[in-house]
């Protein structure tokens, strides 16, 4: 039997919290604001680590729809140089 790693908002916010991104809730808009605020203050090395973490989460697990949407949004944010 194969087990999949399902990634929900709790998993996602826990992973980015390890980097210092503080989210008051797991509500999508709150998480987005927290990410934008944190990235606006992050050093280049911290930002690089954040994007690596997002990529790892995306590659390693099966994303629940809310997390998948948030990661898609984060790729758009990365594309504009945040």
N, C-alpha and C. Protein backbone atom coordinates (compact mmCIF):
# COMPACT_ATOMS: atom_id res chain seq x y z
N UNK A 1 0.84 -1.17 0.00
CA UNK A 1 0.00 0.00 0.00
C UNK A 1 0.89 1.24 0.00
N UNK A 2 0.49 2.22 -0.78
CA UNK A 2 1.27 3.45 -0.89
C UNK A 2 0.60 4.55 -0.07
N UNK A 3 1.40 5.29 0.66
CA UNK A 3 0.88 6.40 1.45
C UNK A 3 1.36 7.71 0.85
N UNK A 4 0.45 8.63 0.72
CA UNK A 4 0.80 9.94 0.17
C UNK A 4 0.86 10.96 1.30
N UNK A 5 1.73 11.91 1.12
CA UNK A 5 1.85 13.00 2.09
C UNK A 5 0.92 14.12 1.63
N UNK A 6 -0.23 14.22 2.28
CA UNK A 6 -1.18 15.28 1.96
C UNK A 6 -0.75 16.56 2.68
N UNK A 7 -0.65 17.63 1.93
CA UNK A 7 -0.21 18.91 2.49
C UNK A 7 -1.42 19.82 2.63
N UNK A 8 -1.75 20.16 3.89
CA UNK A 8 -2.84 21.10 4.12
C UNK A 8 -2.25 22.44 4.59
N UNK A 9 -3.11 23.41 4.89
CA UNK A 9 -2.64 24.73 5.29
C UNK A 9 -1.85 24.69 6.59
N UNK A 10 -2.21 23.80 7.50
CA UNK A 10 -1.44 23.67 8.74
C UNK A 10 0.00 23.23 8.45
N UNK A 11 0.14 22.27 7.55
CA UNK A 11 1.47 21.81 7.16
C UNK A 11 2.26 22.93 6.50
N UNK A 12 1.60 23.64 5.59
CA UNK A 12 2.27 24.71 4.85
C UNK A 12 2.72 25.83 5.79
N UNK A 13 1.81 26.28 6.66
CA UNK A 13 2.18 27.38 7.56
C UNK A 13 3.22 26.93 8.58
N UNK A 14 3.20 25.68 8.97
CA UNK A 14 4.24 25.17 9.89
C UNK A 14 5.61 25.18 9.21
N UNK A 15 5.63 24.80 7.94
CA UNK A 15 6.90 24.78 7.21
C UNK A 15 7.48 26.18 7.04
N UNK A 16 6.63 27.15 6.70
CA UNK A 16 7.17 28.50 6.51
C UNK A 16 7.43 29.19 7.85
N UNK A 17 6.76 28.74 8.90
CA UNK A 17 7.03 29.29 10.24
C UNK A 17 8.46 28.97 10.67
N UNK A 18 8.97 27.83 10.24
CA UNK A 18 10.35 27.45 10.55
C UNK A 18 11.35 28.45 9.97
N UNK A 19 10.92 29.18 8.94
CA UNK A 19 11.77 30.19 8.32
C UNK A 19 11.60 31.56 8.97
N UNK A 20 10.56 31.68 9.79
CA UNK A 20 10.29 32.95 10.45
C UNK A 20 9.05 33.67 9.95
N UNK A 21 8.31 33.04 9.03
CA UNK A 21 7.07 33.64 8.53
C UNK A 21 5.97 33.35 9.54
N UNK A 22 5.47 34.40 10.18
CA UNK A 22 4.46 34.25 11.22
C UNK A 22 3.08 34.48 10.61
N UNK A 23 2.22 33.48 10.72
CA UNK A 23 0.84 33.58 10.22
C UNK A 23 -0.10 33.51 11.41
N UNK A 24 -0.99 34.49 11.52
CA UNK A 24 -1.94 34.52 12.63
C UNK A 24 -3.02 33.45 12.50
N UNK A 25 -3.25 33.01 11.27
CA UNK A 25 -4.24 31.96 11.03
C UNK A 25 -3.83 31.21 9.77
N UNK A 26 -4.57 30.16 9.46
CA UNK A 26 -4.30 29.40 8.24
C UNK A 26 -5.24 29.83 7.11
N UNK A 27 -5.95 30.92 7.31
CA UNK A 27 -6.83 31.46 6.27
C UNK A 27 -5.94 32.00 5.14
N UNK A 28 -6.29 31.67 3.91
CA UNK A 28 -5.44 31.95 2.76
C UNK A 28 -5.02 33.41 2.64
N UNK A 29 -5.94 34.34 2.76
CA UNK A 29 -5.58 35.76 2.62
C UNK A 29 -4.62 36.20 3.72
N UNK A 30 -4.80 35.68 4.92
CA UNK A 30 -3.88 36.00 6.02
C UNK A 30 -2.49 35.47 5.72
N UNK A 31 -2.41 34.25 5.21
CA UNK A 31 -1.11 33.65 4.89
C UNK A 31 -0.43 34.45 3.79
N UNK A 32 -1.18 34.86 2.78
CA UNK A 32 -0.61 35.67 1.70
C UNK A 32 -0.02 36.97 2.24
N UNK A 33 -0.78 37.67 3.09
CA UNK A 33 -0.28 38.92 3.67
C UNK A 33 0.98 38.68 4.48
N UNK A 34 0.99 37.60 5.24
CA UNK A 34 2.17 37.28 6.05
C UNK A 34 3.39 37.01 5.18
N UNK A 35 3.19 36.30 4.09
CA UNK A 35 4.29 36.00 3.17
C UNK A 35 4.80 37.29 2.53
N UNK A 36 3.90 38.11 2.04
CA UNK A 36 4.30 39.37 1.40
C UNK A 36 5.08 40.26 2.37
N UNK A 37 4.58 40.37 3.59
CA UNK A 37 5.25 41.19 4.60
C UNK A 37 6.64 40.64 4.91
N UNK A 38 6.72 39.34 5.11
CA UNK A 38 8.00 38.72 5.46
C UNK A 38 9.00 38.85 4.32
N UNK A 39 8.56 38.58 3.08
CA UNK A 39 9.47 38.67 1.94
C UNK A 39 9.96 40.10 1.74
N UNK A 40 9.10 41.07 2.07
CA UNK A 40 9.50 42.47 1.94
C UNK A 40 10.64 42.85 2.88
N UNK A 41 10.81 42.10 3.94
CA UNK A 41 11.86 42.38 4.94
C UNK A 41 13.00 41.36 4.91
N UNK A 42 12.82 40.29 4.17
CA UNK A 42 13.78 39.18 4.20
C UNK A 42 15.08 39.53 3.47
N UNK A 43 16.16 39.01 4.00
CA UNK A 43 17.46 39.10 3.32
C UNK A 43 17.41 38.19 2.10
N UNK A 44 18.25 38.46 1.10
CA UNK A 44 18.26 37.60 -0.09
C UNK A 44 18.42 36.11 0.23
N UNK A 45 19.25 35.78 1.20
CA UNK A 45 19.44 34.36 1.54
C UNK A 45 18.17 33.76 2.15
N UNK A 46 17.45 34.56 2.94
CA UNK A 46 16.19 34.09 3.53
C UNK A 46 15.13 33.90 2.45
N UNK A 47 15.08 34.84 1.52
CA UNK A 47 14.13 34.73 0.42
C UNK A 47 14.41 33.48 -0.41
N UNK A 48 15.68 33.23 -0.69
CA UNK A 48 16.06 32.04 -1.46
C UNK A 48 15.63 30.78 -0.73
N UNK A 49 15.81 30.76 0.59
CA UNK A 49 15.42 29.61 1.39
C UNK A 49 13.90 29.43 1.37
N UNK A 50 13.16 30.54 1.40
CA UNK A 50 11.70 30.47 1.33
C UNK A 50 11.27 29.80 0.03
N UNK A 51 11.81 30.27 -1.11
CA UNK A 51 11.40 29.71 -2.40
C UNK A 51 11.80 28.25 -2.53
N UNK A 52 12.93 27.88 -1.95
CA UNK A 52 13.34 26.47 -1.96
C UNK A 52 12.36 25.63 -1.15
N UNK A 53 11.90 26.17 -0.03
CA UNK A 53 10.93 25.45 0.81
C UNK A 53 9.61 25.27 0.07
N UNK A 54 9.14 26.32 -0.59
CA UNK A 54 7.90 26.23 -1.36
C UNK A 54 8.04 25.17 -2.45
N UNK A 55 9.15 25.16 -3.15
CA UNK A 55 9.38 24.16 -4.20
C UNK A 55 9.40 22.75 -3.63
N UNK A 56 10.06 22.58 -2.48
CA UNK A 56 10.12 21.26 -1.85
C UNK A 56 8.73 20.77 -1.47
N UNK A 57 7.93 21.66 -0.88
CA UNK A 57 6.57 21.29 -0.49
C UNK A 57 5.78 20.87 -1.73
N UNK A 58 5.93 21.63 -2.78
CA UNK A 58 5.20 21.35 -4.03
C UNK A 58 5.60 20.01 -4.62
N UNK A 59 6.87 19.69 -4.57
CA UNK A 59 7.38 18.46 -5.18
C UNK A 59 7.14 17.22 -4.32
N UNK A 60 7.16 17.39 -2.99
CA UNK A 60 7.16 16.24 -2.10
C UNK A 60 5.79 15.71 -1.70
N UNK A 61 4.75 16.51 -1.82
CA UNK A 61 3.47 16.06 -1.31
C UNK A 61 2.33 16.25 -2.29
N UNK A 62 1.20 15.73 -1.90
CA UNK A 62 -0.03 15.96 -2.65
C UNK A 62 -0.70 17.15 -1.97
N UNK A 63 -0.87 18.21 -2.73
CA UNK A 63 -1.37 19.46 -2.17
C UNK A 63 -2.89 19.49 -2.16
N UNK A 64 -3.44 19.84 -1.03
CA UNK A 64 -4.87 20.08 -0.98
C UNK A 64 -5.15 21.37 -1.75
N UNK A 65 -6.35 21.52 -2.32
CA UNK A 65 -6.63 22.64 -3.23
C UNK A 65 -6.26 24.02 -2.70
N UNK A 66 -6.50 24.29 -1.44
CA UNK A 66 -6.18 25.61 -0.89
C UNK A 66 -4.67 25.87 -0.91
N UNK A 67 -3.89 24.85 -0.61
CA UNK A 67 -2.44 24.99 -0.63
C UNK A 67 -1.94 25.10 -2.07
N UNK A 68 -2.51 24.31 -2.96
CA UNK A 68 -2.13 24.38 -4.36
C UNK A 68 -2.37 25.78 -4.91
N UNK A 69 -3.49 26.37 -4.57
CA UNK A 69 -3.81 27.73 -5.00
C UNK A 69 -2.80 28.73 -4.42
N UNK A 70 -2.45 28.57 -3.16
CA UNK A 70 -1.49 29.46 -2.51
C UNK A 70 -0.11 29.34 -3.14
N UNK A 71 0.30 28.14 -3.48
CA UNK A 71 1.60 27.95 -4.12
C UNK A 71 1.59 28.54 -5.53
N UNK A 72 0.49 28.39 -6.25
CA UNK A 72 0.38 29.01 -7.57
C UNK A 72 0.52 30.52 -7.43
N UNK A 73 -0.17 31.10 -6.44
CA UNK A 73 -0.07 32.54 -6.17
C UNK A 73 1.38 32.91 -5.85
N UNK A 74 2.06 32.09 -5.06
CA UNK A 74 3.44 32.41 -4.68
C UNK A 74 4.37 32.41 -5.89
N UNK A 75 4.11 31.54 -6.87
CA UNK A 75 4.92 31.54 -8.09
C UNK A 75 4.72 32.85 -8.86
N UNK A 76 3.50 33.35 -8.88
CA UNK A 76 3.24 34.64 -9.52
C UNK A 76 3.98 35.75 -8.79
N UNK A 77 3.99 35.69 -7.47
CA UNK A 77 4.69 36.67 -6.65
C UNK A 77 6.20 36.61 -6.93
N UNK A 78 6.72 35.41 -7.04
CA UNK A 78 8.15 35.23 -7.32
C UNK A 78 8.50 35.80 -8.69
N UNK A 79 7.61 35.62 -9.66
CA UNK A 79 7.86 36.08 -11.02
C UNK A 79 7.99 37.60 -11.11
N UNK A 80 7.31 38.31 -10.21
CA UNK A 80 7.40 39.78 -10.23
C UNK A 80 8.54 40.28 -9.34
N UNK A 81 9.32 39.34 -8.81
CA UNK A 81 10.52 39.71 -8.08
C UNK A 81 10.35 40.01 -6.62
N UNK A 82 9.32 39.51 -6.00
CA UNK A 82 9.11 39.73 -4.56
C UNK A 82 10.12 38.96 -3.76
